Amino acid sequence: MSKKTIYQPENQLVPAELTGLPALFDAPDIDVGERLYERTPYVNFVSNKSPNFGKLSVLIPDLNDGDPVFVSPKATAKLSPFTFFLLRAFQHFSVRDTQGNIVKSLHGQDAVERAKSMSDRKDPMNRYDENIETVLLVPFGGSIIPCRCNFKGTKVNAAHKAIDTLRLIASTPEKFNAMGADYAASAAVPQAWARFKTLVKLRPGTSRANGFPYVAAEGVLQPAGVGDWQQLSSLMSDQKYRSMSDDVLAQHNETVESVKAKGV
């Protein structure tokens, strides 16, 4: 004799409200393939003014204002330390609404001068804050993860450090090599971005304009080494890793296009 179970669907009656439904409700008609992009990893400098700060604080008990947080479908964690290789960077000066959405933006060769002339620091709806949208490779959890990251306002100096270093390597590599034996040894690597990492250092401060506290980010150079290159080489030979990298780049490009669409 078969053992009885608590739930026996063959013995259940169909509720009256589910009988006699229109044809639309007979069966789902799903004509959808796989997602074009899964939610890709990103790094966010959290603000204690954000409505998400409380939720993140539950996951990360030692979370502080301005901390860099790694977010992916598989993990959410504070990055300590936060180091990165810089692969892409796009600068814009943008005005955001109270929800953080960009309402107007400046980008291009003359964006800095236009932002200086057009920005009103006392008027949030006419304050053009600097943003640098990036694609990074971030050491995390024993791997090196492709991520998106927006460096905004007081955080942009960390990105500028990496950008300035790439320019230095391109223009006068001998100056980069002279920074130390480890920097010189990296000349064997053909990709300039892989010759160094940028370590993000946080520094609290107080605004002279309004007296409010803020957290600034600065960048400190670190020479990349053989271990970094071996790990990168191994990861980039993996098709799944390459696909994830392509998805991160695609979402970065979408962000760039959406910013450009707000151009004035």
C-alpha atoms as a PDB file:
ATOM      1  CA  MET A   1       0.000   0.000   0.000  1.00  0.00           C
ATOM      2  CA  SER A   2       1.384   3.387  -0.956  1.00  0.00           C
ATOM      3  CA  LYS A   3       2.033   5.822   1.819  1.00  0.00           C
ATOM      4  CA  LYS A   4      -0.351   8.770   1.923  1.00  0.00           C
ATOM      5  CA  THR A   5       1.079  12.234   1.582  1.00  0.00           C
ATOM      6  CA  ILE A   6      -0.228  15.436   3.072  1.00  0.00           C
ATOM      7  CA  TYR A   7      -0.623  17.029  -0.371  1.00  0.00           C
ATOM      8  CA  GLN A   8      -2.449  15.006  -3.022  1.00  0.00           C
ATOM      9  CA  PRO A   9      -3.288  17.298  -5.971  1.00  0.00           C
ATOM     10  CA  GLU A  10      -5.461  14.667  -7.643  1.00  0.00           C
ATOM     11  CA  ASN A  11      -7.866  14.976  -4.729  1.00  0.00           C
ATOM     12  CA  GLN A  12      -8.052  18.769  -4.826  1.00  0.00           C
ATOM     13  CA  LEU A  13     -11.092  20.525  -6.232  1.00  0.00           C
ATOM     14  CA  VAL A  14     -10.566  23.340  -8.735  1.00  0.00           C
ATOM     15  CA  PRO A  15     -11.752  26.603  -7.147  1.00  0.00           C
ATOM     16  CA  ALA A  16     -14.885  27.980  -8.789  1.00  0.00           C
ATOM     17  CA  GLU A  17     -13.171  31.252  -9.702  1.00  0.00           C
ATOM     18  CA  LEU A  18     -10.705  29.331 -11.915  1.00  0.00           C
ATOM     19  CA  THR A  19     -13.357  27.614 -14.017  1.00  0.00           C
ATOM     20  CA  GLY A  20     -14.844  29.143 -17.125  1.00  0.00           C
ATOM     21  CA  LEU A  21     -12.033  31.638 -17.636  1.00  0.00           C
ATOM     22  CA  PRO A  22     -11.647  33.433 -21.008  1.00  0.00           C
ATOM     23  CA  ALA A  23      -9.275  31.900 -23.551  1.00  0.00           C
ATOM     24  CA  LEU A  24      -6.578  34.415 -22.622  1.00  0.00           C
ATOM     25  CA  PHE A  25      -6.130  32.611 -19.307  1.00  0.00           C
ATOM     26  CA  ASP A  26      -6.003  29.056 -20.652  1.00  0.00           C
ATOM     27  CA  ALA A  27      -2.212  28.851 -20.715  1.00  0.00           C
ATOM     28  CA  PRO A  28       0.719  31.245 -20.648  1.00  0.00           C
ATOM     29  CA  ASP A  29       2.104  32.206 -24.057  1.00  0.00           C
ATOM     30  CA  ILE A  30       5.785  32.963 -23.419  1.00  0.00           C
ATOM     31  CA  ASP A  31       7.854  33.974 -26.431  1.00  0.00           C
ATOM     32  CA  VAL A  32      10.958  35.159 -24.564  1.00  0.00           C
ATOM     33  CA  GLY A  33      14.513  33.880 -24.854  1.00  0.00           C
ATOM     34  CA  GLU A  34      17.360  34.344 -22.439  1.00  0.00           C
ATOM     35  CA  ARG A  35      18.216  37.771 -21.034  1.00  0.00           C
ATOM     36  CA  LEU A  36      20.396  39.924 -23.236  1.00  0.00           C
ATOM     37  CA  TYR A  37      22.335  40.924 -20.119  1.00  0.00           C
ATOM     38  CA  GLU A  38      22.286  39.564 -16.636  1.00  0.00           C
ATOM     39  CA  ARG A  39      22.770  42.176 -13.943  1.00  0.00           C
ATOM     40  CA  THR A  40      26.497  42.779 -14.167  1.00  0.00           C
ATOM     41  CA  PRO A  41      28.857  43.500 -11.252  1.00  0.00           C
ATOM     42  CA  TYR A  42      29.416  47.077 -10.197  1.00  0.00           C
ATOM     43  CA  VAL A  43      31.047  49.062  -7.418  1.00  0.00           C
ATOM     44  CA  ASN A  44      29.080  51.771  -5.642  1.00  0.00           C
ATOM     45  CA  PHE A  45      30.350  54.387  -3.181  1.00  0.00           C
ATOM     46  CA  VAL A  46      27.450  54.273  -0.750  1.00  0.00           C
ATOM     47  CA  SER A  47      25.957  57.367   0.826  1.00  0.00           C
ATOM     48  CA  ASN A  48      24.308  57.405   4.227  1.00  0.00           C
ATOM     49  CA  LYS A  49      21.700  59.691   2.636  1.00  0.00           C
ATOM     50  CA  SER A  50      20.663  56.945   0.209  1.00  0.00           C
ATOM     51  CA  PRO A  51      17.436  55.025   0.932  1.00  0.00           C
ATOM     52  CA  ASN A  52      19.421  51.822   0.295  1.00  0.00           C
ATOM     53  CA  PHE A  53      21.956  52.543   3.023  1.00  0.00           C
ATOM     54  CA  GLY A  54      19.835  50.903   5.736  1.00  0.00           C
ATOM     55  CA  LYS A  55      19.351  47.732   3.678  1.00  0.00           C
ATOM     56  CA  LEU A  56      23.057  47.503   2.947  1.00  0.00           C
ATOM     57  CA  SER A  57      23.890  48.102   6.610  1.00  0.00           C
ATOM     58  CA  VAL A  58      22.002  44.909   7.479  1.00  0.00           C
ATOM     59  CA  LEU A  59      24.224  42.966   5.072  1.00  0.00           C
ATOM     60  CA  ILE A  60      27.396  44.868   5.984  1.00  0.00           C
ATOM     61  CA  PRO A  61      27.351  45.814   9.711  1.00  0.00           C
ATOM     62  CA  ASP A  62      30.562  47.898   9.550  1.00  0.00           C
ATOM     63  CA  LEU A  63      29.374  49.984   6.585  1.00  0.00           C
ATOM     64  CA  ASN A  64      30.254  53.685   6.670  1.00  0.00           C
ATOM     65  CA  ASP A  65      29.392  56.685   4.542  1.00  0.00           C
ATOM     66  CA  GLY A  66      31.416  56.675   1.310  1.00  0.00           C
ATOM     67  CA  ASP A  67      32.524  53.037   1.511  1.00  0.00           C
ATOM     68  CA  PRO A  68      32.986  51.231  -1.817  1.00  0.00           C
ATOM     69  CA  VAL A  69      30.616  48.272  -2.046  1.00  0.00           C
ATOM     70  CA  PHE A  70      30.907  45.444  -4.575  1.00  0.00           C
ATOM     71  CA  VAL A  71      27.516  44.293  -5.857  1.00  0.00           C
ATOM     72  CA  SER A  72      26.885  41.319  -8.123  1.00  0.00           C
ATOM     73  CA  PRO A  73      24.179  38.667  -8.524  1.00  0.00           C
ATOM     74  CA  LYS A  74      26.259  36.407  -6.281  1.00  0.00           C
ATOM     75  CA  ALA A  75      27.739  38.726  -3.659  1.00  0.00           C
ATOM     76  CA  THR A  76      27.441  42.071  -1.898  1.00  0.00           C
ATOM     77  CA  ALA A  77      30.433  43.138   0.166  1.00  0.00           C
ATOM     78  CA  LYS A  78      32.464  46.141   1.219  1.00  0.00           C
ATOM     79  CA  LEU A  79      35.747  46.370  -0.653  1.00  0.00           C
ATOM     80  CA  SER A  80      38.586  46.714   1.807  1.00  0.00           C
ATOM     81  CA  PRO A  81      40.905  47.339   0.094  1.00  0.00           C
ATOM     82  CA  PHE A  82      39.438  48.605  -3.183  1.00  0.00           C
ATOM     83  CA  THR A  83      41.993  48.301  -5.969  1.00  0.00           C
ATOM     84  CA  PHE A  84      41.348  48.298  -9.695  1.00  0.00           C
ATOM     85  CA  PHE A  85      42.706  48.120 -13.212  1.00  0.00           C
ATOM     86  CA  LEU A  86      41.130  50.809 -15.415  1.00  0.00           C
ATOM     87  CA  LEU A  87      39.817  49.721 -18.828  1.00  0.00           C
ATOM     88  CA  ARG A  88      37.316  52.421 -19.858  1.00  0.00           C
ATOM     89  CA  ALA A  89      36.518  55.938 -18.670  1.00  0.00           C
ATOM     90  CA  PHE A  90      33.919  58.492 -19.803  1.00  0.00           C
ATOM     91  CA  GLN A  91      33.706  61.917 -18.190  1.00  0.00           C
ATOM     92  CA  HIS A  92      30.555  64.005 -17.973  1.00  0.00           C
ATOM     93  CA  PHE A  93      29.265  66.891 -15.890  1.00  0.00           C
ATOM     94  CA  SER A  94      25.636  66.312 -14.994  1.00  0.00           C
ATOM     95  CA  VAL A  95      22.686  67.669 -13.058  1.00  0.00           C
ATOM     96  CA  ARG A  96      20.557  65.094 -11.233  1.00  0.00           C
ATOM     97  CA  ASP A  97      17.064  65.256  -9.799  1.00  0.00           C
ATOM     98  CA  THR A  98      16.205  64.322  -6.222  1.00  0.00           C
ATOM     99  CA  GLN A  99      15.973  60.654  -7.244  1.00  0.00           C
ATOM    100  CA  GLY A 100      19.491  60.667  -8.656  1.00  0.00           C
ATOM    101  CA  ASN A 101      18.438  60.618 -12.304  1.00  0.00           C
ATOM    102  CA  ILE A 102      20.391  62.728 -14.791  1.00  0.00           C
ATOM    103  CA  VAL A 103      18.272  65.540 -16.223  1.00  0.00           C
ATOM    104  CA  LYS A 104      20.937  67.397 -18.222  1.00  0.00           C
ATOM    105  CA  SER A 105      24.563  66.771 -18.987  1.00  0.00           C
ATOM    106  CA  LEU A 106      27.732  68.154 -20.546  1.00  0.00           C
ATOM    107  CA  HIS A 107      30.437  66.043 -22.160  1.00  0.00           C
ATOM    108  CA  GLY A 108      33.192  66.406 -24.730  1.00  0.00           C
ATOM    109  CA  GLN A 109      36.317  68.521 -25.139  1.00  0.00           C
ATOM    110  CA  ASP A 110      34.770  71.768 -23.868  1.00  0.00           C
ATOM    111  CA  ALA A 111      32.722  70.187 -21.063  1.00  0.00           C
ATOM    112  CA  VAL A 112      35.016  71.364 -18.248  1.00  0.00           C
ATOM    113  CA  GLU A 113      34.885  75.020 -19.273  1.00  0.00           C
ATOM    114  CA  ARG A 114      31.145  74.878 -19.954  1.00  0.00           C
ATOM    115  CA  ALA A 115      30.520  73.279 -16.561  1.00  0.00           C
ATOM    116  CA  LYS A 116      32.520  76.032 -14.848  1.00  0.00           C
ATOM    117  CA  SER A 117      30.551  78.770 -16.585  1.00  0.00           C
ATOM    118  CA  MET A 118      27.101  77.177 -16.326  1.00  0.00           C
ATOM    119  CA  SER A 119      27.220  75.575 -12.873  1.00  0.00           C
ATOM    120  CA  ASP A 120      25.629  77.177  -9.824  1.00  0.00           C
ATOM    121  CA  ARG A 121      26.910  75.430  -6.711  1.00  0.00           C
ATOM    122  CA  LYS A 122      24.058  76.829  -4.615  1.00  0.00           C
ATOM    123  CA  ASP A 123      21.313  75.588  -6.946  1.00  0.00           C
ATOM    124  CA  PRO A 124      21.042  71.774  -7.130  1.00  0.00           C
ATOM    125  CA  MET A 125      19.127  71.962 -10.428  1.00  0.00           C
ATOM    126  CA  ASN A 126      21.968  73.892 -12.026  1.00  0.00           C
ATOM    127  CA  ARG A 127      24.934  72.221 -10.351  1.00  0.00           C
ATOM    128  CA  TYR A 128      26.952  70.233 -12.872  1.00  0.00           C
ATOM    129  CA  ASP A 129      28.824  67.600 -10.869  1.00  0.00           C
ATOM    130  CA  GLU A 130      31.738  65.738 -12.407  1.00  0.00           C
ATOM    131  CA  ASN A 131      31.209  62.034 -13.101  1.00  0.00           C
ATOM    132  CA  ILE A 132      33.563  59.439 -14.534  1.00  0.00           C
ATOM    133  CA  GLU A 133      31.816  56.278 -15.733  1.00  0.00           C
ATOM    134  CA  THR A 134      34.298  53.409 -15.787  1.00  0.00           C
ATOM    135  CA  VAL A 135      34.873  49.767 -16.565  1.00  0.00           C
ATOM    136  CA  LEU A 136      37.282  48.223 -14.069  1.00  0.00           C
ATOM    137  CA  LEU A 137      38.869  44.912 -13.247  1.00  0.00           C
ATOM    138  CA  VAL A 138      38.590  44.570  -9.463  1.00  0.00           C
ATOM    139  CA  PRO A 139      40.356  41.932  -7.337  1.00  0.00           C
ATOM    140  CA  PHE A 140      37.628  40.299  -5.250  1.00  0.00           C
ATOM    141  CA  GLY A 141      37.066  36.895  -3.698  1.00  0.00           C
ATOM    142  CA  GLY A 142      40.232  35.383  -5.115  1.00  0.00           C
ATOM    143  CA  SER A 143      39.405  36.455  -8.672  1.00  0.00           C
ATOM    144  CA  ILE A 144      39.600  39.668 -10.709  1.00  0.00           C
ATOM    145  CA  ILE A 145      36.075  40.755 -11.621  1.00  0.00           C
ATOM    146  CA  PRO A 146      35.008  43.060 -14.484  1.00  0.00           C
ATOM    147  CA  CYS A 147      32.848  45.805 -12.948  1.00  0.00           C
ATOM    148  CA  ARG A 148      31.210  49.116 -13.691  1.00  0.00           C
ATOM    149  CA  CYS A 149      31.785  52.035 -11.353  1.00  0.00           C
ATOM    150  CA  ASN A 150      30.698  55.671 -11.313  1.00  0.00           C
ATOM    151  CA  PHE A 151      33.206  58.008  -9.666  1.00  0.00           C
ATOM    152  CA  LYS A 152      31.248  61.146  -8.822  1.00  0.00           C
ATOM    153  CA  GLY A 153      32.045  64.466  -7.185  1.00  0.00           C
ATOM    154  CA  THR A 154      34.529  63.981  -4.360  1.00  0.00           C
ATOM    155  CA  LYS A 155      35.386  60.470  -5.616  1.00  0.00           C
ATOM    156  CA  VAL A 156      36.706  61.428  -9.077  1.00  0.00           C
ATOM    157  CA  ASN A 157      40.332  61.948  -8.012  1.00  0.00           C
ATOM    158  CA  ALA A 158      40.784  58.191  -7.615  1.00  0.00           C
ATOM    159  CA  ALA A 159      39.804  57.676 -11.255  1.00  0.00           C
ATOM    160  CA  HIS A 160      41.909  60.639 -12.400  1.00  0.00           C
ATOM    161  CA  LYS A 161      44.987  59.054 -10.832  1.00  0.00           C
ATOM    162  CA  ALA A 162      44.608  55.997 -13.054  1.00  0.00           C
ATOM    163  CA  ILE A 163      43.783  58.114 -16.105  1.00  0.00           C
ATOM    164  CA  ASP A 164      46.824  60.350 -15.584  1.00  0.00           C
ATOM    165  CA  THR A 165      49.028  57.265 -15.208  1.00  0.00           C
ATOM    166  CA  LEU A 166      47.800  55.811 -18.498  1.00  0.00           C
ATOM    167  CA  ARG A 167      48.591  59.136 -20.160  1.00  0.00           C
ATOM    168  CA  LEU A 168      52.048  59.103 -18.583  1.00  0.00           C
ATOM    169  CA  ILE A 169      52.781  55.626 -19.929  1.00  0.00           C
ATOM    170  CA  ALA A 170      51.573  56.659 -23.377  1.00  0.00           C
ATOM    171  CA  SER A 171      53.582  59.891 -23.518  1.00  0.00           C
ATOM    172  CA  THR A 172      56.724  59.315 -21.451  1.00  0.00           C
ATOM    173  CA  PRO A 173      56.974  55.659 -20.361  1.00  0.00           C
ATOM    174  CA  GLU A 174      60.506  56.220 -19.071  1.00  0.00           C
ATOM    175  CA  LYS A 175      59.055  58.352 -16.248  1.00  0.00           C
ATOM    176  CA  PHE A 176      56.732  55.531 -15.262  1.00  0.00           C
ATOM    177  CA  ASN A 177      59.596  53.012 -15.396  1.00  0.00           C
ATOM    178  CA  ALA A 178      61.709  55.283 -13.179  1.00  0.00           C
ATOM    179  CA  MET A 179      59.168  54.995 -10.345  1.00  0.00           C
ATOM    180  CA  GLY A 180      60.760  51.730  -9.212  1.00  0.00           C
ATOM    181  CA  ALA A 181      62.065  48.334 -10.254  1.00  0.00           C
ATOM    182  CA  ASP A 182      58.593  46.760 -10.193  1.00  0.00           C
ATOM    183  CA  TYR A 183      57.224  49.502 -12.444  1.00  0.00           C
ATOM    184  CA  ALA A 184      60.122  49.079 -14.868  1.00  0.00           C
ATOM    185  CA  ALA A 185      59.645  45.307 -14.938  1.00  0.00           C
ATOM    186  CA  SER A 186      56.043  45.770 -16.057  1.00  0.00           C
ATOM    187  CA  ALA A 187      57.302  47.132 -19.397  1.00  0.00           C
ATOM    188  CA  ALA A 188      57.223  43.521 -20.604  1.00  0.00           C
ATOM    189  CA  VAL A 189      53.406  43.712 -20.550  1.00  0.00           C
ATOM    190  CA  PRO A 190      52.057  45.177 -23.815  1.00  0.00           C
ATOM    191  CA  GLN A 191      48.802  46.514 -22.295  1.00  0.00           C
ATOM    192  CA  ALA A 192      49.417  49.775 -20.434  1.00  0.00           C
ATOM    193  CA  TRP A 193      46.384  49.277 -18.181  1.00  0.00           C
ATOM    194  CA  ALA A 194      47.811  45.975 -16.887  1.00  0.00           C
ATOM    195  CA  ARG A 195      51.072  47.552 -15.711  1.00  0.00           C
ATOM    196  CA  PHE A 196      49.589  49.062 -12.539  1.00  0.00           C
ATOM    197  CA  LYS A 197      46.666  48.996 -10.120  1.00  0.00           C
ATOM    198  CA  THR A 198      45.072  51.942  -8.359  1.00  0.00           C
ATOM    199  CA  LEU A 199      44.356  51.672  -4.644  1.00  0.00           C
ATOM    200  CA  VAL A 200      41.439  53.815  -3.457  1.00  0.00           C
ATOM    201  CA  LYS A 201      42.034  55.705  -0.221  1.00  0.00           C
ATOM    202  CA  LEU A 202      39.124  57.450   1.523  1.00  0.00           C
ATOM    203  CA  ARG A 203      39.507  60.765   3.311  1.00  0.00           C
ATOM    204  CA  PRO A 204      36.770  62.533   5.337  1.00  0.00           C
ATOM    205  CA  GLY A 205      36.388  66.278   5.007  1.00  0.00           C
ATOM    206  CA  THR A 206      34.021  69.193   5.532  1.00  0.00           C
ATOM    207  CA  SER A 207      32.647  71.366   2.753  1.00  0.00           C
ATOM    208  CA  ARG A 208      33.719  75.009   2.905  1.00  0.00           C
ATOM    209  CA  ALA A 209      30.575  75.998   1.014  1.00  0.00           C
ATOM    210  CA  ASN A 210      27.944  74.533   3.341  1.00  0.00           C
ATOM    211  CA  GLY A 211      29.789  72.957   6.272  1.00  0.00           C
ATOM    212  CA  PHE A 212      28.487  69.463   5.446  1.00  0.00           C
ATOM    213  CA  PRO A 213      30.776  66.441   5.888  1.00  0.00           C
ATOM    214  CA  TYR A 214      31.898  64.456   2.868  1.00  0.00           C
ATOM    215  CA  VAL A 215      34.160  61.538   2.006  1.00  0.00           C
ATOM    216  CA  ALA A 216      36.727  62.045  -0.737  1.00  0.00           C
ATOM    217  CA  ALA A 217      38.550  59.313  -2.633  1.00  0.00           C
ATOM    218  CA  GLU A 218      42.193  59.497  -3.711  1.00  0.00           C
ATOM    219  CA  GLY A 219      44.168  57.070  -5.851  1.00  0.00           C
ATOM    220  CA  VAL A 220      47.500  55.490  -4.930  1.00  0.00           C
ATOM    221  CA  LEU A 221      49.503  53.607  -7.558  1.00  0.00           C
ATOM    222  CA  GLN A 222      50.586  50.020  -7.054  1.00  0.00           C
ATOM    223  CA  PRO A 223      52.756  48.145  -9.568  1.00  0.00           C
ATOM    224  CA  ALA A 224      51.126  45.044 -11.022  1.00  0.00           C
ATOM    225  CA  GLY A 225      53.146  41.848 -10.763  1.00  0.00           C
ATOM    226  CA  VAL A 226      53.596  38.405 -12.194  1.00  0.00           C
ATOM    227  CA  GLY A 227      50.793  36.987 -10.051  1.00  0.00           C
ATOM    228  CA  ASP A 228      48.333  39.547 -11.445  1.00  0.00           C
ATOM    229  CA  TRP A 229      49.308  38.809 -15.041  1.00  0.00           C
ATOM    230  CA  GLN A 230      49.133  35.053 -14.606  1.00  0.00           C
ATOM    231  CA  GLN A 231      45.674  35.319 -13.065  1.00  0.00           C
ATOM    232  CA  LEU A 232      44.432  37.712 -15.770  1.00  0.00           C
ATOM    233  CA  SER A 233      45.803  35.476 -18.512  1.00  0.00           C
ATOM    234  CA  SER A 234      44.054  32.438 -17.020  1.00  0.00           C
ATOM    235  CA  LEU A 235      40.742  34.270 -16.597  1.00  0.00           C
ATOM    236  CA  MET A 236      40.715  35.723 -20.091  1.00  0.00           C
ATOM    237  CA  SER A 237      41.115  32.294 -21.639  1.00  0.00           C
ATOM    238  CA  ASP A 238      37.784  31.311 -20.046  1.00  0.00           C
ATOM    239  CA  GLN A 239      34.806  31.908 -22.346  1.00  0.00           C
ATOM    240  CA  LYS A 240      32.354  32.526 -19.502  1.00  0.00           C
ATOM    241  CA  TYR A 241      34.649  35.214 -18.100  1.00  0.00           C
ATOM    242  CA  ARG A 242      35.006  36.823 -21.515  1.00  0.00           C
ATOM    243  CA  SER A 243      31.227  36.835 -21.937  1.00  0.00           C
ATOM    244  CA  MET A 244      30.762  38.505 -18.545  1.00  0.00           C
ATOM    245  CA  SER A 245      33.353  41.112 -19.538  1.00  0.00           C
ATOM    246  CA  ASP A 246      31.466  41.776 -22.779  1.00  0.00           C
ATOM    247  CA  ASP A 247      28.212  42.232 -20.835  1.00  0.00           C
ATOM    248  CA  VAL A 248      29.836  44.720 -18.457  1.00  0.00           C
ATOM    249  CA  LEU A 249      31.190  46.694 -21.408  1.00  0.00           C
ATOM    250  CA  ALA A 250      27.794  46.625 -23.131  1.00  0.00           C
ATOM    251  CA  GLN A 251      26.042  48.020 -20.054  1.00  0.00           C
ATOM    252  CA  HIS A 252      28.748  50.663 -19.686  1.00  0.00           C
ATOM    253  CA  ASN A 253      28.165  51.688 -23.296  1.00  0.00           C
ATOM    254  CA  GLU A 254      24.410  51.901 -22.634  1.00  0.00           C
ATOM    255  CA  THR A 255      25.084  54.205 -19.688  1.00  0.00           C
ATOM    256  CA  VAL A 256      27.326  56.412 -21.820  1.00  0.00           C
ATOM    257  CA  GLU A 257      24.676  56.668 -24.548  1.00  0.00           C
ATOM    258  CA  SER A 258      21.969  57.511 -22.019  1.00  0.00           C
ATOM    259  CA  VAL A 259      24.132  60.300 -20.611  1.00  0.00           C
ATOM    260  CA  LYS A 260      24.853  61.665 -24.075  1.00  0.00           C
ATOM    261  CA  ALA A 261      21.112  61.712 -24.752  1.00  0.00           C
ATOM    262  CA  LYS A 262      20.749  64.244 -21.905  1.00  0.00           C
ATOM    263  CA  GLY A 263      23.343  66.553 -23.437  1.00  0.00           C
ATOM    264  CA  VAL A 264      22.766  70.309 -23.549  1.00  0.00           C
END
